[in-house]
C-alpha atoms as a PDB file:
ATOM      1  CA  MET A   1      18.089 116.014 121.094  1.00  0.00           C
ATOM      2  CA  ARG A   2      19.587 119.144 119.515  1.00  0.00           C
ATOM      3  CA  ASN A   3      22.940 118.503 121.206  1.00  0.00           C
ATOM      4  CA  ALA A   4      22.975 114.933 119.881  1.00  0.00           C
ATOM      5  CA  ALA A   5      22.192 116.093 116.344  1.00  0.00           C
ATOM      6  CA  PHE A   6      24.833 118.804 116.565  1.00  0.00           C
ATOM      7  CA  THR A   7      27.409 116.324 117.874  1.00  0.00           C
ATOM      8  CA  PHE A   8      26.594 113.896 115.070  1.00  0.00           C
ATOM      9  CA  ALA A   9      26.909 116.655 112.453  1.00  0.00           C
ATOM     10  CA  ILE A  10      30.250 117.734 113.907  1.00  0.00           C
ATOM     11  CA  ARG A  11      31.541 114.146 113.809  1.00  0.00           C
ATOM     12  CA  VAL A  12      30.464 113.668 110.207  1.00  0.00           C
ATOM     13  CA  ALA A  13      31.958 117.004 109.142  1.00  0.00           C
ATOM     14  CA  GLY A  14      35.132 116.235 111.077  1.00  0.00           C
ATOM     15  CA  ALA A  15      35.470 112.818 109.446  1.00  0.00           C
ATOM     16  CA  GLY A  16      35.101 114.387 106.006  1.00  0.00           C
ATOM     17  CA  ALA A  17      37.617 117.098 106.836  1.00  0.00           C
ATOM     18  CA  ALA A  18      40.070 114.557 108.244  1.00  0.00           C
ATOM     19  CA  ILE A  19      39.879 112.343 105.161  1.00  0.00           C
ATOM     20  CA  GLY A  20      40.289 115.340 102.881  1.00  0.00           C
ATOM     21  CA  LEU A  21      43.236 116.601 104.901  1.00  0.00           C
ATOM     22  CA  GLN A  22      44.915 113.182 104.902  1.00  0.00           C
ATOM     23  CA  ILE A  23      44.575 112.901 101.125  1.00  0.00           C
ATOM     24  CA  LEU A  24      45.905 116.423 100.630  1.00  0.00           C
ATOM     25  CA  LEU A  25      48.864 115.844 102.944  1.00  0.00           C
ATOM     26  CA  ALA A  26      49.698 112.499 101.324  1.00  0.00           C
ATOM     27  CA  ARG A  27      49.700 114.138  97.891  1.00  0.00           C
ATOM     28  CA  LEU A  28      51.754 117.153  98.937  1.00  0.00           C
ATOM     29  CA  MET A  29      54.282 115.435 101.187  1.00  0.00           C
ATOM     30  CA  GLY A  30      55.159 112.235  99.402  1.00  0.00           C
ATOM     31  CA  ALA A  31      55.254 108.746 100.881  1.00  0.00           C
ATOM     32  CA  ASP A  32      58.295 109.096 103.158  1.00  0.00           C
ATOM     33  CA  SER A  33      57.376 112.482 104.602  1.00  0.00           C
ATOM     34  CA  TYR A  34      53.742 111.516 105.055  1.00  0.00           C
ATOM     35  CA  GLY A  35      54.798 108.341 106.844  1.00  0.00           C
ATOM     36  CA  LEU A  36      56.912 110.387 109.259  1.00  0.00           C
ATOM     37  CA  TYR A  37      53.989 112.754 109.796  1.00  0.00           C
ATOM     38  CA  VAL A  38      51.664 109.856 110.651  1.00  0.00           C
ATOM     39  CA  ILE A  39      54.220 108.375 113.058  1.00  0.00           C
ATOM     40  CA  ALA A  40      54.733 111.738 114.781  1.00  0.00           C
ATOM     41  CA  TRP A  41      50.987 112.430 115.043  1.00  0.00           C
ATOM     42  CA  THR A  42      50.272 108.937 116.376  1.00  0.00           C
ATOM     43  CA  TRP A  43      52.991 109.176 119.030  1.00  0.00           C
ATOM     44  CA  MET A  44      51.836 112.657 120.005  1.00  0.00           C
ATOM     45  CA  LEU A  45      48.227 111.543 120.482  1.00  0.00           C
ATOM     46  CA  ALA A  46      49.190 108.381 122.361  1.00  0.00           C
ATOM     47  CA  LEU A  47      51.672 110.110 124.664  1.00  0.00           C
ATOM     48  CA  GLY A  48      49.353 113.102 125.081  1.00  0.00           C
ATOM     49  CA  SER A  49      46.732 110.811 126.537  1.00  0.00           C
ATOM     50  CA  VAL A  50      49.283 109.463 129.020  1.00  0.00           C
ATOM     51  CA  VAL A  51      50.717 112.885 129.876  1.00  0.00           C
ATOM     52  CA  SER A  52      47.257 114.234 130.719  1.00  0.00           C
ATOM     53  CA  LEU A  53      47.565 111.924 133.754  1.00  0.00           C
ATOM     54  CA  GLY A  54      43.939 110.833 133.590  1.00  0.00           C
ATOM     55  CA  LEU A  55      42.847 114.280 134.763  1.00  0.00           C
ATOM     56  CA  ALA A  56      40.523 114.746 131.776  1.00  0.00           C
ATOM     57  CA  ASP A  57      38.532 111.707 132.880  1.00  0.00           C
ATOM     58  CA  ALA A  58      38.762 112.725 136.525  1.00  0.00           C
ATOM     59  CA  ALA A  59      37.347 116.134 135.619  1.00  0.00           C
ATOM     60  CA  MET A  60      34.266 114.481 134.149  1.00  0.00           C
ATOM     61  CA  ARG A  61      33.755 112.674 137.437  1.00  0.00           C
ATOM     62  CA  PHE A  62      34.528 115.325 140.038  1.00  0.00           C
ATOM     63  CA  VAL A  63      33.814 118.779 138.546  1.00  0.00           C
ATOM     64  CA  PRO A  64      30.068 118.204 137.940  1.00  0.00           C
ATOM     65  CA  ARG A  65      29.779 116.954 141.518  1.00  0.00           C
ATOM     66  CA  TYR A  66      31.526 120.058 142.844  1.00  0.00           C
ATOM     67  CA  VAL A  67      29.322 122.357 140.765  1.00  0.00           C
ATOM     68  CA  ALA A  68      26.098 120.550 141.714  1.00  0.00           C
ATOM     69  CA  ARG A  69      26.931 120.828 145.410  1.00  0.00           C
ATOM     70  CA  GLY A  70      27.797 124.506 145.153  1.00  0.00           C
ATOM     71  CA  ARG A  71      31.506 123.959 145.763  1.00  0.00           C
ATOM     72  CA  ALA A  72      32.910 126.144 143.006  1.00  0.00           C
ATOM     73  CA  PRO A  73      36.219 126.748 144.853  1.00  0.00           C
ATOM     74  CA  GLN A  74      36.977 123.016 144.710  1.00  0.00           C
ATOM     75  CA  ALA A  75      36.206 122.964 140.983  1.00  0.00           C
ATOM     76  CA  ALA A  76      38.492 125.953 140.444  1.00  0.00           C
ATOM     77  CA  ARG A  77      41.220 124.298 142.510  1.00  0.00           C
ATOM     78  CA  PHE A  78      40.858 121.116 140.437  1.00  0.00           C
ATOM     79  CA  PHE A  79      41.287 123.194 137.284  1.00  0.00           C
ATOM     80  CA  ARG A  80      44.386 125.015 138.590  1.00  0.00           C
ATOM     81  CA  THR A  81      45.961 121.812 139.878  1.00  0.00           C
ATOM     82  CA  GLY A  82      45.183 120.026 136.623  1.00  0.00           C
ATOM     83  CA  VAL A  83      46.685 122.791 134.508  1.00  0.00           C
ATOM     84  CA  GLY A  84      49.855 122.763 136.574  1.00  0.00           C
ATOM     85  CA  SER A  85      50.147 118.977 136.670  1.00  0.00           C
ATOM     86  CA  VAL A  86      49.548 118.441 132.957  1.00  0.00           C
ATOM     87  CA  THR A  87      51.883 121.276 132.020  1.00  0.00           C
ATOM     88  CA  LEU A  88      54.626 119.932 134.263  1.00  0.00           C
ATOM     89  CA  ALA A  89      54.207 116.351 133.007  1.00  0.00           C
ATOM     90  CA  GLY A  90      54.235 117.538 129.394  1.00  0.00           C
ATOM     91  CA  LEU A  91      57.364 119.597 129.919  1.00  0.00           C
ATOM     92  CA  LEU A  92      59.095 116.718 131.710  1.00  0.00           C
ATOM     93  CA  LEU A  93      58.355 114.301 128.889  1.00  0.00           C
ATOM     94  CA  ALA A  94      59.390 116.911 126.308  1.00  0.00           C
ATOM     95  CA  THR A  95      62.662 117.360 128.209  1.00  0.00           C
ATOM     96  CA  ALA A  96      63.133 113.584 128.166  1.00  0.00           C
ATOM     97  CA  GLY A  97      62.626 113.691 124.398  1.00  0.00           C
ATOM     98  CA  ALA A  98      65.254 116.411 124.141  1.00  0.00           C
ATOM     99  CA  GLY A  99      67.568 114.214 126.193  1.00  0.00           C
ATOM    100  CA  ILE A 100      67.020 111.376 123.744  1.00  0.00           C
ATOM    101  CA  LEU A 101      68.080 113.727 120.977  1.00  0.00           C
ATOM    102  CA  GLN A 102      71.383 114.313 122.764  1.00  0.00           C
ATOM    103  CA  VAL A 103      72.109 110.659 123.517  1.00  0.00           C
ATOM    104  CA  LEU A 104      70.980 108.750 120.450  1.00  0.00           C
ATOM    105  CA  PRO A 105      72.617 109.256 117.071  1.00  0.00           C
ATOM    106  CA  LEU A 106      69.542 109.878 114.924  1.00  0.00           C
ATOM    107  CA  ASP A 107      69.498 110.668 111.248  1.00  0.00           C
ATOM    108  CA  ARG A 108      67.896 113.905 110.122  1.00  0.00           C
ATOM    109  CA  PRO A 109      64.285 112.710 109.516  1.00  0.00           C
ATOM    110  CA  LEU A 110      64.083 110.909 112.864  1.00  0.00           C
ATOM    111  CA  LEU A 111      65.652 113.902 114.599  1.00  0.00           C
ATOM    112  CA  ALA A 112      62.885 116.089 113.173  1.00  0.00           C
ATOM    113  CA  LEU A 113      60.272 113.523 114.197  1.00  0.00           C
ATOM    114  CA  VAL A 114      61.384 113.364 117.832  1.00  0.00           C
ATOM    115  CA  THR A 115      61.689 117.165 117.955  1.00  0.00           C
ATOM    116  CA  VAL A 116      58.153 117.683 116.664  1.00  0.00           C
ATOM    117  CA  VAL A 117      56.738 115.173 119.149  1.00  0.00           C
ATOM    118  CA  ALA A 118      58.707 116.686 122.049  1.00  0.00           C
ATOM    119  CA  VAL A 119      57.576 120.226 121.223  1.00  0.00           C
ATOM    120  CA  GLY A 120      53.944 119.349 120.499  1.00  0.00           C
ATOM    121  CA  LEU A 121      53.372 116.951 123.368  1.00  0.00           C
ATOM    122  CA  PRO A 122      52.669 119.505 126.127  1.00  0.00           C
ATOM    123  CA  PHE A 123      50.101 121.209 123.899  1.00  0.00           C
ATOM    124  CA  VAL A 124      48.285 117.984 123.026  1.00  0.00           C
ATOM    125  CA  ALA A 125      48.198 116.911 126.683  1.00  0.00           C
ATOM    126  CA  PHE A 126      46.850 120.325 127.679  1.00  0.00           C
ATOM    127  CA  GLU A 127      44.192 120.043 124.981  1.00  0.00           C
ATOM    128  CA  TYR A 128      43.113 116.649 126.353  1.00  0.00           C
ATOM    129  CA  PHE A 129      42.773 118.133 129.832  1.00  0.00           C
ATOM    130  CA  LEU A 130      40.790 121.144 128.596  1.00  0.00           C
ATOM    131  CA  GLU A 131      38.521 118.834 126.615  1.00  0.00           C
ATOM    132  CA  GLY A 132      37.748 116.876 129.782  1.00  0.00           C
ATOM    133  CA  MET A 133      37.048 120.093 131.683  1.00  0.00           C
ATOM    134  CA  ALA A 134      34.711 121.334 128.946  1.00  0.00           C
ATOM    135  CA  ARG A 135      32.846 118.023 128.894  1.00  0.00           C
ATOM    136  CA  SER A 136      32.522 118.098 132.685  1.00  0.00           C
ATOM    137  CA  LEU A 137      30.850 121.497 132.448  1.00  0.00           C
ATOM    138  CA  GLY A 138      28.439 120.323 129.749  1.00  0.00           C
ATOM    139  CA  TRP A 139      30.056 122.258 126.905  1.00  0.00           C
ATOM    140  CA  PHE A 140      29.619 119.457 124.373  1.00  0.00           C
ATOM    141  CA  ARG A 141      29.562 121.734 121.344  1.00  0.00           C
ATOM    142  CA  LEU A 142      32.926 123.207 122.258  1.00  0.00           C
ATOM    143  CA  THR A 143      34.499 119.798 122.790  1.00  0.00           C
ATOM    144  CA  GLY A 144      33.108 118.412 119.552  1.00  0.00           C
ATOM    145  CA  ILE A 145      34.436 121.294 117.498  1.00  0.00           C
ATOM    146  CA  ALA A 146      37.840 121.191 119.195  1.00  0.00           C
ATOM    147  CA  ILE A 147      38.295 117.438 118.726  1.00  0.00           C
ATOM    148  CA  TYR A 148      36.753 116.785 115.340  1.00  0.00           C
ATOM    149  CA  ILE A 149      37.176 120.043 113.430  1.00  0.00           C
ATOM    150  CA  VAL A 150      40.174 121.953 114.806  1.00  0.00           C
ATOM    151  CA  ARG A 151      42.552 119.122 115.773  1.00  0.00           C
ATOM    152  CA  PRO A 152      42.620 116.981 112.585  1.00  0.00           C
END
């Protein structure tokens, strides 16, 4: 029950922080810049989910089973393989984004947008994977704080 109450409190605090941050950014950046920020953030979150290759969800299925059966080496191998796979996929997609920058004639704001998404994508995908690993190990407080407080 304490974990549920803590998770609820984190979600409420995170929602308040996110709304406050969005209002502050909209005021400071102006309509055009804020619009580009929202587009970049949306693309980064959407592509980050794809680039994590489903390994965050797979971690929630397989890692608890490995731990419960005393097979810690398999859980560690899953973690190492997941880190390598997500990092490689993120870097490949970021490289593809850099290739788009070379091929397409983009104006300055769109160039900045694609650059930010390409650079941030591996980090967002890695965060998704680590969130899945933390959930699979029962570290709900850590995942709640990372998703709802730190990321917005």
